[in-house]
C-alpha atoms as a PDB file:
ATOM      1  CA  MET A   1     -12.602 -47.297  48.445  1.00  0.00           C
ATOM      2  CA  THR A   2     -15.418 -45.133  47.071  1.00  0.00           C
ATOM      3  CA  PRO A   3     -14.267 -42.562  44.511  1.00  0.00           C
ATOM      4  CA  PRO A   4     -14.920 -38.934  45.415  1.00  0.00           C
ATOM      5  CA  PRO A   5     -18.080 -37.386  43.954  1.00  0.00           C
ATOM      6  CA  GLY A   6     -17.993 -35.453  40.715  1.00  0.00           C
ATOM      7  CA  LEU A   7     -15.494 -35.412  37.915  1.00  0.00           C
ATOM      8  CA  ALA A   8     -12.007 -36.529  38.968  1.00  0.00           C
ATOM      9  CA  PHE A   9      -9.654 -33.612  38.382  1.00  0.00           C
ATOM     10  CA  VAL A  10      -6.184 -35.005  38.964  1.00  0.00           C
ATOM     11  CA  THR A  11      -4.545 -32.314  41.053  1.00  0.00           C
ATOM     12  CA  SER A  12      -3.542 -31.660  44.624  1.00  0.00           C
ATOM     13  CA  ASN A  13      -4.455 -27.988  44.119  1.00  0.00           C
ATOM     14  CA  GLU A  14      -7.911 -27.316  45.582  1.00  0.00           C
ATOM     15  CA  GLY A  15      -7.890 -23.894  43.886  1.00  0.00           C
ATOM     16  CA  LYS A  16      -7.701 -25.517  40.451  1.00  0.00           C
ATOM     17  CA  ALA A  17     -10.524 -27.895  41.368  1.00  0.00           C
ATOM     18  CA  ARG A  18     -12.675 -24.998  42.605  1.00  0.00           C
ATOM     19  CA  GLU A  19     -12.092 -23.121  39.337  1.00  0.00           C
ATOM     20  CA  ALA A  20     -12.851 -26.269  37.308  1.00  0.00           C
ATOM     21  CA  ALA A  21     -16.192 -26.712  39.122  1.00  0.00           C
ATOM     22  CA  TYR A  22     -17.015 -23.063  38.406  1.00  0.00           C
ATOM     23  CA  PHE A  23     -16.211 -23.358  34.697  1.00  0.00           C
ATOM     24  CA  LEU A  24     -17.980 -26.697  34.242  1.00  0.00           C
ATOM     25  CA  GLY A  25     -20.976 -25.865  36.427  1.00  0.00           C
ATOM     26  CA  ARG A  26     -20.779 -29.276  38.108  1.00  0.00           C
ATOM     27  CA  PRO A  27     -19.038 -30.919  41.070  1.00  0.00           C
ATOM     28  CA  VAL A  28     -15.334 -31.557  40.600  1.00  0.00           C
ATOM     29  CA  SER A  29     -13.133 -33.435  43.052  1.00  0.00           C
ATOM     30  CA  ALA A  30      -9.421 -32.804  43.410  1.00  0.00           C
ATOM     31  CA  VAL A  31      -7.833 -36.236  43.255  1.00  0.00           C
ATOM     32  CA  PRO A  32      -4.118 -36.213  43.995  1.00  0.00           C
ATOM     33  CA  VAL A  33      -2.433 -39.069  42.163  1.00  0.00           C
ATOM     34  CA  GLU A  34       1.294 -39.571  41.737  1.00  0.00           C
ATOM     35  CA  ILE A  35       1.806 -39.950  38.009  1.00  0.00           C
ATOM     36  CA  PRO A  36       4.927 -39.540  35.931  1.00  0.00           C
ATOM     37  CA  GLU A  37       5.293 -36.226  34.161  1.00  0.00           C
ATOM     38  CA  ILE A  38       7.221 -36.159  30.935  1.00  0.00           C
ATOM     39  CA  GLN A  39       9.562 -33.263  30.283  1.00  0.00           C
ATOM     40  CA  SER A  40       8.411 -31.468  27.168  1.00  0.00           C
ATOM     41  CA  ALA A  41       8.061 -27.882  26.002  1.00  0.00           C
ATOM     42  CA  ASP A  42       4.549 -28.735  24.720  1.00  0.00           C
ATOM     43  CA  PHE A  43       1.807 -28.204  27.330  1.00  0.00           C
ATOM     44  CA  ALA A  44      -0.686 -30.336  25.366  1.00  0.00           C
ATOM     45  CA  GLU A  45       1.717 -33.279  25.132  1.00  0.00           C
ATOM     46  CA  VAL A  46       2.409 -33.167  28.879  1.00  0.00           C
ATOM     47  CA  ALA A  47      -1.331 -33.006  29.687  1.00  0.00           C
ATOM     48  CA  ARG A  48      -2.169 -35.852  27.275  1.00  0.00           C
ATOM     49  CA  VAL A  49       0.433 -38.215  28.761  1.00  0.00           C
ATOM     50  CA  LYS A  50      -0.586 -37.318  32.334  1.00  0.00           C
ATOM     51  CA  ALA A  51      -4.271 -37.932  31.514  1.00  0.00           C
ATOM     52  CA  LEU A  52      -3.583 -41.377  30.064  1.00  0.00           C
ATOM     53  CA  ALA A  53      -1.511 -42.374  33.094  1.00  0.00           C
ATOM     54  CA  ALA A  54      -4.097 -41.024  35.564  1.00  0.00           C
ATOM     55  CA  ALA A  55      -7.067 -42.714  33.822  1.00  0.00           C
ATOM     56  CA  ALA A  56      -5.183 -46.014  33.873  1.00  0.00           C
ATOM     57  CA  ALA A  57      -4.178 -45.597  37.532  1.00  0.00           C
ATOM     58  CA  LEU A  58      -7.654 -44.625  38.736  1.00  0.00           C
ATOM     59  CA  GLY A  59      -9.709 -46.789  36.383  1.00  0.00           C
ATOM     60  CA  ARG A  60     -12.076 -43.913  35.645  1.00  0.00           C
ATOM     61  CA  ALA A  61     -12.435 -40.860  33.439  1.00  0.00           C
ATOM     62  CA  VAL A  62     -10.170 -38.013  34.491  1.00  0.00           C
ATOM     63  CA  LEU A  63      -9.358 -34.443  33.715  1.00  0.00           C
ATOM     64  CA  VAL A  64      -5.811 -33.153  34.104  1.00  0.00           C
ATOM     65  CA  GLU A  65      -4.194 -29.809  33.501  1.00  0.00           C
ATOM     66  CA  ASP A  66      -0.725 -28.680  32.734  1.00  0.00           C
ATOM     67  CA  SER A  67      -0.240 -24.949  33.066  1.00  0.00           C
ATOM     68  CA  GLY A  68       2.521 -22.429  33.235  1.00  0.00           C
ATOM     69  CA  LEU A  69       4.093 -19.276  31.924  1.00  0.00           C
ATOM     70  CA  GLU A  70       5.869 -18.696  28.644  1.00  0.00           C
ATOM     71  CA  VAL A  71       8.197 -15.744  29.200  1.00  0.00           C
ATOM     72  CA  ARG A  72       8.871 -13.849  25.978  1.00  0.00           C
ATOM     73  CA  ALA A  73      12.399 -12.699  26.894  1.00  0.00           C
ATOM     74  CA  TRP A  74      13.368 -16.316  27.581  1.00  0.00           C
ATOM     75  CA  GLY A  75      11.982 -17.781  24.359  1.00  0.00           C
ATOM     76  CA  GLY A  76       8.987 -19.375  26.113  1.00  0.00           C
ATOM     77  CA  PHE A  77      10.845 -20.772  29.133  1.00  0.00           C
ATOM     78  CA  PRO A  78       9.845 -21.981  31.716  1.00  0.00           C
ATOM     79  CA  GLY A  79       6.687 -23.181  29.923  1.00  0.00           C
ATOM     80  CA  PRO A  80       5.481 -26.535  31.290  1.00  0.00           C
ATOM     81  CA  MET A  81       8.325 -26.447  33.815  1.00  0.00           C
ATOM     82  CA  THR A  82       6.919 -23.347  35.585  1.00  0.00           C
ATOM     83  CA  LYS A  83       5.801 -25.301  38.638  1.00  0.00           C
ATOM     84  CA  TRP A  84       9.359 -26.489  39.255  1.00  0.00           C
ATOM     85  CA  ILE A  85      10.388 -22.838  39.636  1.00  0.00           C
ATOM     86  CA  THR A  86       7.353 -21.398  41.407  1.00  0.00           C
ATOM     87  CA  ALA A  87       6.242 -24.240  43.732  1.00  0.00           C
ATOM     88  CA  GLY A  88       9.404 -24.003  45.827  1.00  0.00           C
ATOM     89  CA  PRO A  89      12.490 -21.865  45.826  1.00  0.00           C
ATOM     90  CA  PRO A  90      12.881 -19.531  44.030  1.00  0.00           C
ATOM     91  CA  GLY A  91       9.062 -19.205  43.933  1.00  0.00           C
ATOM     92  CA  PRO A  92       7.042 -16.512  42.168  1.00  0.00           C
ATOM     93  CA  ALA A  93       9.178 -13.739  43.712  1.00  0.00           C
ATOM     94  CA  GLY A  94      12.343 -15.375  42.399  1.00  0.00           C
ATOM     95  CA  LEU A  95      10.805 -15.764  38.952  1.00  0.00           C
ATOM     96  CA  ALA A  96      10.002 -12.037  38.923  1.00  0.00           C
ATOM     97  CA  ARG A  97      13.541 -11.185  40.126  1.00  0.00           C
ATOM     98  CA  MET A  98      15.142 -13.336  37.424  1.00  0.00           C
ATOM     99  CA  LEU A  99      13.527 -11.065  34.842  1.00  0.00           C
ATOM    100  CA  GLU A 100      15.154  -7.891  36.258  1.00  0.00           C
ATOM    101  CA  PRO A 101      17.919  -7.751  33.596  1.00  0.00           C
ATOM    102  CA  PHE A 102      15.339  -8.034  30.795  1.00  0.00           C
ATOM    103  CA  PRO A 103      13.334  -5.001  29.651  1.00  0.00           C
ATOM    104  CA  ASP A 104      10.635  -7.230  28.138  1.00  0.00           C
ATOM    105  CA  ARG A 105       8.453  -8.672  30.939  1.00  0.00           C
ATOM    106  CA  ARG A 106       5.720 -10.012  28.628  1.00  0.00           C
ATOM    107  CA  ALA A 107       4.497 -13.520  29.319  1.00  0.00           C
ATOM    108  CA  THR A 108       1.718 -15.842  28.239  1.00  0.00           C
ATOM    109  CA  ALA A 109      -0.237 -17.867  30.781  1.00  0.00           C
ATOM    110  CA  VAL A 110      -1.106 -21.267  29.296  1.00  0.00           C
ATOM    111  CA  SER A 111      -3.540 -23.957  30.446  1.00  0.00           C
ATOM    112  CA  ALA A 112      -3.751 -27.315  28.665  1.00  0.00           C
ATOM    113  CA  LEU A 113      -6.623 -29.552  29.769  1.00  0.00           C
ATOM    114  CA  ALA A 114      -6.807 -33.225  28.857  1.00  0.00           C
ATOM    115  CA  PHE A 115      -9.792 -35.542  29.350  1.00  0.00           C
ATOM    116  CA  ALA A 116      -9.157 -39.293  29.157  1.00  0.00           C
ATOM    117  CA  ARG A 117     -10.908 -42.549  29.955  1.00  0.00           C
ATOM    118  CA  PRO A 118      -9.307 -45.866  30.887  1.00  0.00           C
ATOM    119  CA  GLY A 119      -8.132 -47.621  27.743  1.00  0.00           C
ATOM    120  CA  ASP A 120      -8.014 -44.481  25.596  1.00  0.00           C
ATOM    121  CA  ARG A 121      -5.270 -44.307  22.994  1.00  0.00           C
ATOM    122  CA  PRO A 122      -3.263 -41.052  22.820  1.00  0.00           C
ATOM    123  CA  GLU A 123      -5.246 -39.813  19.810  1.00  0.00           C
ATOM    124  CA  GLU A 124      -8.529 -40.330  21.723  1.00  0.00           C
ATOM    125  CA  VAL A 125      -7.586 -38.002  24.582  1.00  0.00           C
ATOM    126  CA  VAL A 126      -9.470 -34.713  24.304  1.00  0.00           C
ATOM    127  CA  VAL A 127      -7.086 -31.774  24.726  1.00  0.00           C
ATOM    128  CA  ALA A 128      -7.990 -28.076  24.899  1.00  0.00           C
ATOM    129  CA  VAL A 129      -5.587 -25.177  25.362  1.00  0.00           C
ATOM    130  CA  GLY A 130      -6.247 -21.664  26.642  1.00  0.00           C
ATOM    131  CA  ARG A 131      -3.772 -18.788  26.477  1.00  0.00           C
ATOM    132  CA  CYS A 132      -3.817 -15.364  28.112  1.00  0.00           C
ATOM    133  CA  GLU A 133      -1.304 -12.664  27.223  1.00  0.00           C
ATOM    134  CA  GLY A 134       0.133 -10.435  29.913  1.00  0.00           C
ATOM    135  CA  SER A 135       3.306  -9.572  31.758  1.00  0.00           C
ATOM    136  CA  LEU A 136       5.096 -10.353  35.003  1.00  0.00           C
ATOM    137  CA  ALA A 137       5.084  -7.877  37.872  1.00  0.00           C
ATOM    138  CA  PRO A 138       8.501  -6.954  39.306  1.00  0.00           C
ATOM    139  CA  VAL A 139       7.397  -8.174  42.760  1.00  0.00           C
ATOM    140  CA  PRO A 140       4.525 -10.359  43.984  1.00  0.00           C
ATOM    141  CA  ARG A 141       1.295  -8.477  44.683  1.00  0.00           C
ATOM    142  CA  GLY A 142      -2.048  -9.574  46.087  1.00  0.00           C
ATOM    143  CA  SER A 143      -3.334 -12.369  48.271  1.00  0.00           C
ATOM    144  CA  SER A 144      -6.022 -14.084  46.182  1.00  0.00           C
ATOM    145  CA  GLY A 145      -5.586 -17.045  43.895  1.00  0.00           C
ATOM    146  CA  PHE A 146      -2.698 -19.482  44.045  1.00  0.00           C
ATOM    147  CA  GLY A 147       0.667 -20.283  42.517  1.00  0.00           C
ATOM    148  CA  TRP A 148       2.059 -17.564  40.308  1.00  0.00           C
ATOM    149  CA  ASP A 149      -1.159 -15.478  40.331  1.00  0.00           C
ATOM    150  CA  VAL A 150       0.812 -12.997  42.494  1.00  0.00           C
ATOM    151  CA  VAL A 151       3.092 -12.045  39.568  1.00  0.00           C
ATOM    152  CA  PHE A 152       0.929 -12.426  36.426  1.00  0.00           C
ATOM    153  CA  ILE A 153      -0.751  -9.256  35.107  1.00  0.00           C
ATOM    154  CA  PRO A 154      -3.227  -9.973  32.295  1.00  0.00           C
ATOM    155  CA  GLU A 155      -3.051  -7.721  29.262  1.00  0.00           C
ATOM    156  CA  GLY A 156      -5.296  -4.668  29.612  1.00  0.00           C
ATOM    157  CA  ASP A 157      -5.052  -4.557  33.405  1.00  0.00           C
ATOM    158  CA  THR A 158      -2.561  -3.230  35.940  1.00  0.00           C
ATOM    159  CA  ARG A 159      -3.371  -5.749  38.683  1.00  0.00           C
ATOM    160  CA  THR A 160      -2.035  -9.259  39.152  1.00  0.00           C
ATOM    161  CA  TRP A 161      -4.555 -12.072  39.223  1.00  0.00           C
ATOM    162  CA  ALA A 162      -3.929 -12.273  42.980  1.00  0.00           C
ATOM    163  CA  GLU A 163      -5.151  -8.667  43.312  1.00  0.00           C
ATOM    164  CA  MET A 164      -8.444  -9.539  41.605  1.00  0.00           C
ATOM    165  CA  SER A 165     -11.496 -11.279  42.950  1.00  0.00           C
ATOM    166  CA  GLU A 166     -11.950 -14.884  41.891  1.00  0.00           C
ATOM    167  CA  ALA A 167     -14.809 -13.798  39.602  1.00  0.00           C
ATOM    168  CA  GLU A 168     -12.631 -11.158  37.917  1.00  0.00           C
ATOM    169  CA  LYS A 169      -9.824 -13.626  37.293  1.00  0.00           C
ATOM    170  CA  ASN A 170     -12.205 -16.327  36.075  1.00  0.00           C
ATOM    171  CA  ARG A 171     -13.847 -13.984  33.583  1.00  0.00           C
ATOM    172  CA  ASP A 172     -10.955 -14.272  31.110  1.00  0.00           C
ATOM    173  CA  SER A 173      -8.054 -16.337  32.432  1.00  0.00           C
ATOM    174  CA  HIS A 174      -6.002 -18.951  30.614  1.00  0.00           C
ATOM    175  CA  ARG A 175      -7.984 -21.602  32.479  1.00  0.00           C
ATOM    176  CA  SER A 176     -11.371 -20.073  31.584  1.00  0.00           C
ATOM    177  CA  ARG A 177     -10.334 -20.071  27.921  1.00  0.00           C
ATOM    178  CA  ALA A 178      -9.161 -23.700  28.125  1.00  0.00           C
ATOM    179  CA  PHE A 179     -12.437 -24.797  29.725  1.00  0.00           C
ATOM    180  CA  ALA A 180     -14.438 -22.911  27.070  1.00  0.00           C
ATOM    181  CA  ALA A 181     -12.455 -24.728  24.375  1.00  0.00           C
ATOM    182  CA  LEU A 182     -12.945 -28.080  26.147  1.00  0.00           C
ATOM    183  CA  ARG A 183     -16.715 -27.540  26.405  1.00  0.00           C
ATOM    184  CA  ALA A 184     -16.842 -26.656  22.689  1.00  0.00           C
ATOM    185  CA  ILE A 185     -14.932 -29.818  21.734  1.00  0.00           C
ATOM    186  CA  LEU A 186     -17.008 -32.111  23.967  1.00  0.00           C
ATOM    187  CA  SER A 187     -20.340 -30.653  22.854  1.00  0.00           C
ATOM    188  CA  GLY A 188     -19.426 -30.561  19.145  1.00  0.00           C
END
């Protein structure tokens, strides 16, 4: 089987792959691969382990991301486990509802990118992390973006990422910051 063109971004989320291509300025292919995901509160550790497993499984260089929300009132939970809450029930709306008893709705959006090649040792995996401060809306708003974009409001704005254009979100998102850090590491 011929590998897809461009950098292999191990994800089933076409939105993430589209953003990655934008940030890197080169073709990126979403390559869904079933790989084990460790349970850890450290985004970088999760991304590193996923990248090693994906590079070994595919036999080529890969980029993976682990992302999520650290909710201040919950001591950083759900963190890397955000997708387990928002991908199915209770979803982004349920996440927002669960915060109703808490006056502090501040949250940090986190993106950890890991680049690995087949045969890399854990210390050879390149990891870059981007963080964006904000808060969670009481109810989902907007129709752009994907995942929990409908509830995350970046600091300094009143709109969720899903209420912004893709260009507005990409200007200063957690993912844009992670890709800027990754480019700096790889070019330095």
